[in-house]
């Protein structure tokens, strides 16, 4: 059964090294530049932070992220999760998270 591995990571050198390693091992997926809700709101000129207009000071704490979507056979999920944990140092150095979503239906060529 195919499953979707969805990963959100800080956009760091470690994340990019992970993507290269996944590619070298034959995994194919899609990445997208994403950001947190807080970061998105801070870039909205109509959003007023609770404490005055500290937009530039506060926004420094909300980095852009990268999201990864990989459709895999269920038997390959754990191997990729181990690679992600290793690359992120269990999400302690490169923050983020991952989830696996079973796919009821999938059509395509990967």
N, C-alpha and C. Protein backbone atom coordinates (compact mmCIF):
# COMPACT_ATOMS: atom_id res chain seq x y z
N UNK A 1 0.84 -1.18 0.00
CA UNK A 1 0.00 0.00 0.00
C UNK A 1 0.89 1.24 0.00
N UNK A 2 0.55 2.21 -0.82
CA UNK A 2 1.30 3.47 -0.88
C UNK A 2 0.90 4.36 0.29
N UNK A 3 1.90 5.11 0.77
CA UNK A 3 1.67 6.06 1.85
C UNK A 3 2.38 7.36 1.53
N UNK A 4 1.85 8.45 2.07
CA UNK A 4 2.45 9.76 1.89
C UNK A 4 3.23 10.11 3.14
N UNK A 5 4.52 10.33 2.97
CA UNK A 5 5.35 10.83 4.06
C UNK A 5 5.44 12.34 3.88
N UNK A 6 4.94 13.07 4.86
CA UNK A 6 4.90 14.53 4.82
C UNK A 6 5.85 15.04 5.89
N UNK A 7 6.81 15.87 5.48
CA UNK A 7 7.85 16.36 6.39
C UNK A 7 7.93 17.88 6.28
N UNK A 8 8.00 18.55 7.42
CA UNK A 8 8.26 19.99 7.46
C UNK A 8 9.55 20.19 8.23
N UNK A 9 10.52 20.88 7.62
CA UNK A 9 11.81 21.13 8.26
C UNK A 9 12.21 22.58 8.13
N UNK A 10 13.03 23.03 9.07
CA UNK A 10 13.66 24.33 8.89
C UNK A 10 14.49 24.26 7.62
N UNK A 11 14.56 25.35 6.90
CA UNK A 11 15.30 25.38 5.65
C UNK A 11 16.78 25.59 5.96
N UNK A 12 17.47 24.50 6.29
CA UNK A 12 18.86 24.56 6.72
C UNK A 12 19.74 23.76 5.77
N UNK A 13 21.05 23.91 5.94
CA UNK A 13 21.99 23.10 5.16
C UNK A 13 21.77 21.62 5.43
N UNK A 14 21.47 21.25 6.67
CA UNK A 14 21.23 19.84 7.02
C UNK A 14 20.03 19.30 6.25
N UNK A 15 18.98 20.09 6.11
CA UNK A 15 17.81 19.66 5.35
C UNK A 15 18.18 19.43 3.89
N UNK A 16 18.98 20.31 3.32
CA UNK A 16 19.38 20.16 1.92
C UNK A 16 20.31 18.97 1.72
N UNK A 17 21.17 18.68 2.71
CA UNK A 17 22.01 17.48 2.63
C UNK A 17 21.12 16.23 2.66
N UNK A 18 20.07 16.26 3.49
CA UNK A 18 19.13 15.15 3.54
C UNK A 18 18.48 14.93 2.18
N UNK A 19 18.05 16.01 1.53
CA UNK A 19 17.41 15.89 0.22
C UNK A 19 18.37 15.28 -0.80
N UNK A 20 19.65 15.70 -0.75
CA UNK A 20 20.65 15.11 -1.66
C UNK A 20 20.80 13.61 -1.39
N UNK A 21 20.86 13.24 -0.11
CA UNK A 21 21.01 11.83 0.24
C UNK A 21 19.79 11.02 -0.22
N UNK A 22 18.60 11.55 -0.02
CA UNK A 22 17.40 10.86 -0.50
C UNK A 22 17.46 10.67 -2.01
N UNK A 23 17.87 11.71 -2.72
CA UNK A 23 17.98 11.64 -4.17
C UNK A 23 19.00 10.57 -4.60
N UNK A 24 20.16 10.57 -3.94
CA UNK A 24 21.20 9.59 -4.28
C UNK A 24 20.74 8.16 -4.04
N UNK A 25 19.86 7.97 -3.07
CA UNK A 25 19.34 6.62 -2.78
C UNK A 25 18.13 6.26 -3.64
N UNK A 26 17.79 7.14 -4.57
CA UNK A 26 16.73 6.82 -5.51
C UNK A 26 15.33 7.25 -5.11
N UNK A 27 15.21 8.01 -4.04
CA UNK A 27 13.89 8.49 -3.63
C UNK A 27 13.53 9.74 -4.42
N UNK A 28 12.28 9.85 -4.77
CA UNK A 28 11.79 11.01 -5.51
C UNK A 28 10.62 11.60 -4.74
N UNK A 29 10.58 12.88 -4.64
CA UNK A 29 9.49 13.54 -3.95
C UNK A 29 9.39 14.98 -4.42
N UNK A 30 8.58 15.73 -3.73
CA UNK A 30 8.37 17.13 -4.06
C UNK A 30 8.65 17.97 -2.84
N UNK A 31 9.35 19.08 -3.04
CA UNK A 31 9.57 20.02 -1.95
C UNK A 31 8.85 21.32 -2.27
N UNK A 32 8.49 22.02 -1.22
CA UNK A 32 7.83 23.31 -1.37
C UNK A 32 8.32 24.23 -0.27
N UNK A 33 8.62 25.46 -0.62
CA UNK A 33 8.99 26.45 0.38
C UNK A 33 7.73 26.87 1.11
N UNK A 34 7.76 26.74 2.43
CA UNK A 34 6.59 27.06 3.24
C UNK A 34 7.01 27.93 4.41
N UNK A 35 6.03 28.44 5.12
CA UNK A 35 6.33 29.20 6.33
C UNK A 35 5.23 28.97 7.35
N UNK A 36 5.52 29.30 8.58
CA UNK A 36 4.54 29.13 9.64
C UNK A 36 3.43 30.17 9.50
N UNK A 37 2.34 29.93 10.17
CA UNK A 37 1.24 30.90 10.19
C UNK A 37 1.75 32.23 10.73
N UNK A 38 2.55 32.17 11.79
CA UNK A 38 3.07 33.41 12.40
C UNK A 38 3.91 34.20 11.42
N UNK A 39 4.78 33.51 10.69
CA UNK A 39 5.64 34.19 9.72
C UNK A 39 4.79 34.83 8.61
N UNK A 40 3.80 34.10 8.15
CA UNK A 40 2.93 34.61 7.09
C UNK A 40 2.19 35.85 7.56
N UNK A 41 1.68 35.83 8.77
CA UNK A 41 0.96 36.99 9.30
C UNK A 41 1.89 38.19 9.47
N UNK A 42 3.12 37.95 9.88
CA UNK A 42 4.05 39.06 10.07
C UNK A 42 4.41 39.73 8.75
N UNK A 43 4.28 39.02 7.64
CA UNK A 43 4.54 39.62 6.34
C UNK A 43 3.32 40.32 5.76
N UNK A 44 2.18 40.18 6.42
CA UNK A 44 0.93 40.80 5.99
C UNK A 44 0.88 42.23 6.52
N UNK A 45 0.83 43.24 5.64
CA UNK A 45 0.84 44.63 6.10
C UNK A 45 -0.39 45.01 6.93
N UNK A 46 -1.45 44.22 6.85
CA UNK A 46 -2.65 44.51 7.62
C UNK A 46 -2.68 43.86 8.99
N UNK A 47 -1.68 43.02 9.28
CA UNK A 47 -1.62 42.33 10.57
C UNK A 47 -0.92 43.22 11.60
N UNK A 48 -1.53 43.38 12.75
CA UNK A 48 -0.94 44.16 13.84
C UNK A 48 -0.55 43.22 14.97
N UNK A 49 0.74 43.07 15.26
CA UNK A 49 1.14 42.25 16.40
C UNK A 49 0.54 42.81 17.69
N UNK A 50 0.45 41.97 18.69
CA UNK A 50 -0.18 42.37 19.95
C UNK A 50 0.56 43.52 20.64
N UNK A 51 1.87 43.56 20.50
CA UNK A 51 2.66 44.59 21.19
C UNK A 51 3.19 45.57 20.15
N UNK A 52 2.44 46.58 19.83
CA UNK A 52 2.89 47.60 18.89
C UNK A 52 3.25 47.02 17.54
N UNK A 53 4.23 47.64 16.86
CA UNK A 53 4.64 47.19 15.55
C UNK A 53 6.09 46.74 15.61
N UNK A 54 6.31 45.60 16.24
CA UNK A 54 7.66 45.04 16.37
C UNK A 54 7.91 44.00 15.28
N UNK A 55 7.33 44.23 14.11
CA UNK A 55 7.37 43.25 13.02
C UNK A 55 8.80 42.76 12.72
N UNK A 56 9.76 43.67 12.57
CA UNK A 56 11.11 43.25 12.20
C UNK A 56 11.78 42.46 13.34
N UNK A 57 11.57 42.86 14.57
CA UNK A 57 12.19 42.17 15.70
C UNK A 57 11.60 40.78 15.85
N UNK A 58 10.30 40.67 15.81
CA UNK A 58 9.62 39.40 16.01
C UNK A 58 9.84 38.46 14.85
N UNK A 59 9.84 38.96 13.63
CA UNK A 59 9.92 38.09 12.46
C UNK A 59 11.23 37.33 12.38
N UNK A 60 12.28 37.80 13.03
CA UNK A 60 13.56 37.11 13.00
C UNK A 60 13.46 35.72 13.60
N UNK A 61 12.49 35.49 14.50
CA UNK A 61 12.34 34.19 15.14
C UNK A 61 11.53 33.20 14.33
N UNK A 62 10.97 33.60 13.20
CA UNK A 62 10.13 32.72 12.40
C UNK A 62 10.76 32.53 11.02
N UNK A 63 11.58 31.49 10.90
CA UNK A 63 12.28 31.23 9.65
C UNK A 63 11.36 30.55 8.64
N UNK A 64 11.73 30.64 7.38
CA UNK A 64 11.02 29.88 6.35
C UNK A 64 11.35 28.41 6.50
N UNK A 65 10.40 27.59 6.11
CA UNK A 65 10.55 26.14 6.19
C UNK A 65 10.54 25.56 4.79
N UNK A 66 10.84 24.28 4.73
CA UNK A 66 10.69 23.53 3.50
C UNK A 66 9.86 22.29 3.82
N UNK A 67 8.87 22.03 2.98
CA UNK A 67 8.03 20.85 3.16
C UNK A 67 8.39 19.83 2.09
N UNK A 68 8.36 18.57 2.49
CA UNK A 68 8.71 17.47 1.60
C UNK A 68 7.55 16.49 1.56
N UNK A 69 7.17 16.09 0.36
CA UNK A 69 6.12 15.11 0.15
C UNK A 69 6.72 13.94 -0.63
N UNK A 70 6.67 12.73 -0.05
CA UNK A 70 7.19 11.55 -0.74
C UNK A 70 6.13 10.45 -0.66
N UNK A 71 5.77 9.90 -1.81
CA UNK A 71 4.86 8.75 -1.84
C UNK A 71 5.73 7.49 -1.89
N UNK A 72 5.51 6.61 -0.92
CA UNK A 72 6.34 5.42 -0.76
C UNK A 72 5.49 4.19 -0.51
N UNK A 73 6.09 3.04 -0.80
CA UNK A 73 5.49 1.79 -0.35
C UNK A 73 5.64 1.76 1.18
N UNK A 74 4.68 1.16 1.83
CA UNK A 74 4.69 1.10 3.30
C UNK A 74 5.99 0.51 3.83
N UNK A 75 6.56 -0.46 3.13
CA UNK A 75 7.78 -1.13 3.57
C UNK A 75 9.01 -0.22 3.55
N UNK A 76 8.95 0.92 2.87
CA UNK A 76 10.10 1.84 2.77
C UNK A 76 10.02 3.01 3.74
N UNK A 77 8.87 3.19 4.39
CA UNK A 77 8.64 4.36 5.25
C UNK A 77 9.67 4.45 6.37
N UNK A 78 9.88 3.37 7.09
CA UNK A 78 10.76 3.43 8.27
C UNK A 78 12.19 3.78 7.87
N UNK A 79 12.66 3.27 6.75
CA UNK A 79 14.02 3.58 6.27
C UNK A 79 14.19 5.10 6.08
N UNK A 80 13.21 5.74 5.47
CA UNK A 80 13.30 7.18 5.22
C UNK A 80 13.15 7.95 6.52
N UNK A 81 12.28 7.49 7.42
CA UNK A 81 12.13 8.17 8.71
C UNK A 81 13.44 8.13 9.51
N UNK A 82 14.16 7.01 9.44
CA UNK A 82 15.45 6.90 10.12
C UNK A 82 16.44 7.92 9.53
N UNK A 83 16.46 8.05 8.21
CA UNK A 83 17.34 9.03 7.56
C UNK A 83 17.00 10.45 8.03
N UNK A 84 15.72 10.76 8.14
CA UNK A 84 15.29 12.09 8.57
C UNK A 84 15.69 12.35 10.01
N UNK A 85 15.46 11.37 10.88
CA UNK A 85 15.85 11.53 12.30
C UNK A 85 17.36 11.76 12.42
N UNK A 86 18.14 11.00 11.66
CA UNK A 86 19.60 11.14 11.70
C UNK A 86 20.02 12.53 11.21
N UNK A 87 19.46 12.97 10.09
CA UNK A 87 19.85 14.26 9.50
C UNK A 87 19.47 15.44 10.38
N UNK A 88 18.38 15.30 11.12
CA UNK A 88 17.90 16.42 11.96
C UNK A 88 18.35 16.30 13.40
N UNK A 89 19.09 15.25 13.71
CA UNK A 89 19.48 14.95 15.09
C UNK A 89 18.21 14.85 15.95
N UNK A 90 17.28 14.02 15.48
CA UNK A 90 15.98 13.82 16.14
C UNK A 90 15.22 15.13 16.32
N UNK A 91 15.30 15.98 15.32
CA UNK A 91 14.60 17.27 15.26
C UNK A 91 15.10 18.26 16.32
N UNK A 92 16.28 18.00 16.90
CA UNK A 92 16.84 18.92 17.91
C UNK A 92 17.69 20.01 17.27
N UNK A 93 18.41 19.68 16.17
CA UNK A 93 19.24 20.69 15.51
C UNK A 93 18.52 21.32 14.33
N UNK A 94 17.85 20.53 13.56
CA UNK A 94 16.97 21.04 12.50
C UNK A 94 15.56 20.72 12.97
N UNK A 95 14.84 21.75 13.34
CA UNK A 95 13.50 21.55 13.90
C UNK A 95 12.51 21.23 12.79
N UNK A 96 11.47 20.53 13.15
CA UNK A 96 10.44 20.17 12.20
C UNK A 96 9.62 19.01 12.70
N UNK A 97 9.00 18.30 11.77
CA UNK A 97 8.19 17.15 12.13
C UNK A 97 7.84 16.37 10.88
N UNK A 98 7.29 15.16 11.10
CA UNK A 98 6.89 14.33 9.98
C UNK A 98 5.65 13.54 10.35
N UNK A 99 4.89 13.18 9.32
CA UNK A 99 3.68 12.38 9.50
C UNK A 99 3.54 11.46 8.30
N UNK A 100 2.90 10.33 8.54
CA UNK A 100 2.62 9.37 7.47
C UNK A 100 1.11 9.30 7.30
N UNK A 101 0.67 9.44 6.05
CA UNK A 101 -0.75 9.43 5.74
C UNK A 101 -1.01 8.29 4.77
N UNK A 102 -1.81 7.27 5.18
CA UNK A 102 -2.14 6.20 4.24
C UNK A 102 -2.95 6.73 3.08
N UNK A 103 -2.64 6.27 1.89
CA UNK A 103 -3.36 6.70 0.70
C UNK A 103 -4.38 5.64 0.30
N UNK A 104 -5.63 6.04 0.24
CA UNK A 104 -6.69 5.11 -0.16
C UNK A 104 -6.59 4.80 -1.64
N UNK A 105 -6.11 5.78 -2.40
CA UNK A 105 -6.00 5.59 -3.84
C UNK A 105 -4.80 6.40 -4.32
N UNK A 106 -4.09 5.83 -5.29
CA UNK A 106 -2.97 6.54 -5.89
C UNK A 106 -2.84 6.10 -7.34
N UNK A 107 -2.68 7.05 -8.22
CA UNK A 107 -2.40 6.78 -9.63
C UNK A 107 -1.24 7.66 -10.04
N UNK A 108 -0.30 7.11 -10.76
CA UNK A 108 0.84 7.88 -11.20
C UNK A 108 2.00 7.00 -11.55
N UNK A 109 3.15 7.62 -11.78
CA UNK A 109 4.29 6.88 -12.28
C UNK A 109 5.50 6.84 -11.35
N UNK A 110 5.31 7.16 -10.06
CA UNK A 110 6.45 7.00 -9.16
C UNK A 110 6.09 6.13 -8.01
